[in-house]
Protein backbone atom coordinates (compact mmCIF):
# COMPACT_ATOMS: atom_id res chain seq x y z
CA LEU A 1 120.91 42.52 43.87
CA PHE A 2 117.83 41.36 41.98
CA ILE A 3 115.43 39.16 43.97
CA TYR A 4 112.63 37.40 42.15
CA GLY A 5 109.97 34.84 42.89
CA PRO A 6 106.23 34.34 43.23
CA SER A 7 104.08 36.42 45.53
CA GLY A 8 103.99 35.61 49.22
CA LEU A 9 107.55 34.38 49.71
CA GLY A 10 108.89 37.35 51.67
CA LYS A 11 110.64 39.51 49.08
CA THR A 12 109.26 42.69 50.64
CA HIS A 13 110.31 41.54 54.11
CA LEU A 14 113.78 40.78 52.77
CA LEU A 15 114.09 44.27 51.28
CA HIS A 16 113.14 45.80 54.63
CA ALA A 17 115.62 43.52 56.43
CA ILE A 18 118.39 44.62 54.05
CA GLY A 19 117.58 48.27 54.70
CA ASN A 20 117.51 47.72 58.46
CA ALA A 21 120.84 45.86 58.33
CA VAL A 22 122.48 48.66 56.34
CA LEU A 23 121.27 51.25 58.86
CA ALA A 24 122.30 49.10 61.83
CA HIS A 25 125.86 48.90 60.51
CA GLU A 26 126.08 52.45 59.16
CA PRO A 27 123.36 54.72 60.60
CA SER A 28 124.51 57.71 58.56
CA ARG A 29 123.75 56.03 55.23
CA GLN A 30 120.74 57.15 53.25
CA VAL A 31 118.50 54.15 52.61
CA LEU A 32 115.28 54.44 50.63
CA TYR A 33 112.67 51.72 50.30
CA ILE A 34 110.03 52.46 47.67
CA SER A 35 107.50 50.43 45.75
CA SER A 36 107.58 50.77 41.99
CA GLU A 37 104.06 52.17 42.10
CA ALA A 38 105.15 54.93 44.48
CA PHE A 39 108.24 55.60 42.33
CA MET A 40 106.02 55.92 39.25
CA ASN A 41 103.64 58.27 41.10
CA GLU A 42 106.59 60.45 42.14
CA VAL A 43 107.80 60.61 38.54
CA ILE A 44 104.33 61.66 37.40
CA GLN A 45 103.97 64.30 40.15
CA SER A 46 107.47 65.64 39.50
CA ILE A 47 106.73 66.04 35.80
CA LYS A 48 103.33 67.58 36.51
CA ASN A 49 104.75 70.07 39.03
CA ALA A 50 107.94 70.80 37.05
CA LYS A 51 110.12 69.41 39.87
CA MET A 52 112.22 66.84 38.02
CA ASP A 53 115.46 68.41 39.24
CA GLU A 54 114.38 67.81 42.85
CA PHE A 55 113.33 64.26 41.95
CA LYS A 56 116.70 63.52 40.35
CA LYS A 57 118.61 65.04 43.26
CA ARG A 58 116.66 62.95 45.77
CA TYR A 59 116.97 59.58 44.03
CA ARG A 60 120.42 59.83 42.50
CA SER A 61 122.31 60.59 45.68
CA ILE A 62 121.04 57.95 48.12
CA ASP A 63 123.37 55.21 49.34
CA CYS A 64 120.97 52.29 49.07
CA LEU A 65 117.86 52.06 46.89
CA LEU A 66 115.41 49.28 47.71
CA ASN A 67 112.80 49.00 44.96
CA ASN A 68 109.89 46.58 45.33
CA ASP A 69 107.90 45.01 42.47
CA ILE A 70 109.78 46.49 39.52
CA GLN A 71 107.42 44.66 37.14
CA PHE A 72 104.82 47.36 37.83
CA ILE A 73 106.74 49.94 35.79
CA ALA A 74 106.35 47.79 32.66
CA LYS A 75 105.06 49.83 29.74
CA ALA A 76 105.47 53.09 31.71
CA GLU A 77 108.03 54.62 29.36
CA ARG A 78 108.88 57.80 31.26
CA THR A 79 109.13 55.95 34.58
CA GLN A 80 111.46 53.42 32.98
CA GLU A 81 113.53 56.28 31.55
CA GLU A 82 113.92 57.85 35.00
CA PHE A 83 114.64 54.51 36.66
CA PHE A 84 117.28 53.78 34.01
CA HIS A 85 119.10 57.05 34.71
CA THR A 86 118.69 56.63 38.47
CA PHE A 87 120.09 53.10 38.25
CA ASN A 88 123.07 54.29 36.20
CA ALA A 89 123.81 57.18 38.56
CA LEU A 90 123.74 54.98 41.64
CA TYR A 91 125.69 52.19 39.96
CA ASN A 92 128.40 54.62 38.84
CA LEU A 93 128.67 55.91 42.42
CA LYS A 94 129.03 52.27 43.56
CA HIS A 95 125.91 52.62 45.70
CA GLN A 96 123.71 49.64 46.49
CA ILE A 97 120.60 48.85 44.44
CA VAL A 98 118.25 46.06 45.48
CA ILE A 99 115.27 45.26 43.29
CA SER A 100 112.48 42.72 43.67
CA SER A 101 110.13 41.26 41.09
CA ASP A 102 107.82 38.35 40.55
CA LYS A 103 109.87 37.31 37.48
CA ILE A 104 113.47 37.03 36.34
CA PRO A 105 114.53 40.25 34.52
CA SER A 106 114.39 38.77 31.02
CA ALA A 107 110.81 37.55 31.57
CA ILE A 108 109.29 40.91 32.54
CA ASP A 109 107.15 41.93 29.58
CA GLY A 110 107.15 45.63 28.83
CA ILE A 111 110.48 46.41 30.53
CA GLU A 112 113.03 47.94 28.19
CA GLU A 113 115.90 45.63 27.27
CA ARG A 114 118.47 48.09 28.58
CA LEU A 115 116.85 47.85 32.03
CA GLN A 116 116.59 44.06 31.84
CA THR A 117 120.31 43.79 31.14
CA ARG A 118 121.20 46.16 33.98
CA PHE A 119 119.04 44.16 36.38
CA SER A 120 121.16 41.14 35.47
CA TRP A 121 124.52 42.86 36.11
CA GLY A 122 124.68 41.91 39.75
CA LEU A 123 123.59 38.98 41.84
CA THR A 124 120.22 37.50 40.84
CA ALA A 125 118.47 35.52 43.57
CA ASP A 126 115.51 33.23 43.00
CA MET A 127 113.17 32.77 45.96
CA HIS A 128 111.33 29.48 46.27
CA ALA A 129 108.48 28.27 48.44
CA PRO A 130 109.78 27.06 51.81
CA ASP A 131 110.42 23.34 52.31
CA PHE A 132 108.39 21.24 54.75
CA GLU A 133 110.64 21.77 57.79
CA THR A 134 110.76 25.50 57.19
CA ARG A 135 106.97 25.66 56.86
CA VAL A 136 106.58 23.85 60.20
CA ALA A 137 109.05 26.28 61.80
CA ILE A 138 107.18 29.27 60.32
CA ILE A 139 103.87 27.99 61.66
CA LYS A 140 105.29 27.36 65.13
CA GLY A 141 107.05 30.73 65.16
CA LYS A 142 103.94 32.64 64.09
CA ALA A 143 101.82 30.75 66.63
CA ALA A 144 104.31 31.55 69.39
CA LEU A 145 104.19 35.26 68.49
CA ASP A 146 100.42 35.13 69.03
CA ALA A 147 100.77 33.06 72.23
CA PHE A 148 98.82 30.33 70.44
CA ASN A 149 99.84 26.85 71.53
CA ILE A 150 99.73 24.62 68.47
CA PRO A 151 100.36 20.87 68.72
CA GLU A 152 103.17 19.42 66.60
CA ASP A 153 100.82 17.22 64.55
CA VAL A 154 98.61 20.21 63.71
CA ALA A 155 101.62 22.28 62.63
CA ARG A 156 102.74 19.37 60.44
CA PHE A 157 99.24 19.00 58.96
CA ILE A 158 99.13 22.66 57.98
CA ALA A 159 102.66 22.47 56.54
CA GLU A 160 101.70 19.43 54.45
CA ASN A 161 98.56 21.04 53.05
CA PHE A 162 99.66 24.64 52.42
CA THR A 163 102.81 24.55 50.36
CA SER A 164 102.97 27.41 47.88
CA ASN A 165 103.75 30.47 50.03
CA VAL A 166 104.00 31.93 53.51
CA ARG A 167 100.78 33.92 53.19
CA GLU A 168 98.86 30.66 52.77
CA LEU A 169 100.44 29.33 55.95
CA GLU A 170 99.63 32.51 57.85
CA GLY A 171 96.04 32.43 56.60
CA ALA A 172 95.57 28.80 57.65
CA LEU A 173 97.02 29.55 61.08
CA THR A 174 94.83 32.65 61.47
CA ARG A 175 91.70 30.67 60.60
CA LEU A 176 92.69 27.87 63.01
CA HIS A 177 93.35 30.39 65.77
CA ALA A 178 89.98 32.07 65.18
CA VAL A 179 88.06 28.77 65.22
CA SER A 180 89.93 27.67 68.33
CA ALA A 181 89.12 30.92 70.10
CA LEU A 182 85.43 30.67 69.16
CA GLN A 183 85.18 27.08 70.35
CA SER A 184 86.76 27.87 73.71
CA VAL A 185 84.21 30.63 74.41
């Protein structure tokens, strides 16, 4: 599964939800969530410390690999090489691989073509900004979690004016909550 879309739409949350769902259904499965930056750092440390065999053993035997922000390994040749072989090993074992990015595979500059084509082998899912009704529901849900009573017209106003991503909505709600708390003091 390859999930792509702009920042702030919940790709990271979705990866975590997938991992949690896998473990809820099959607790014995080995699930690993890792950012591409952390993966790259592990490659570098494994090379530096002459522990590539341990690295390969760890990554190429897990049941479900959840990799976040694959675009960050662009132009990192050795990291791409290791990810390529890790991908192939897991794919050949029929293990699950879920990758997120801010772009569709073919649009990631600096990623080797052989990786781009592999990223397109499975299901590719495009995440979009939430629609108006979903934004209102997100605002009301977040407010309820904070025990912050928000009138319907205010929730609608925020949803109309903050449209590009969930982080914007959360920021607007946080600011509103802070101002409200200060005014009630």
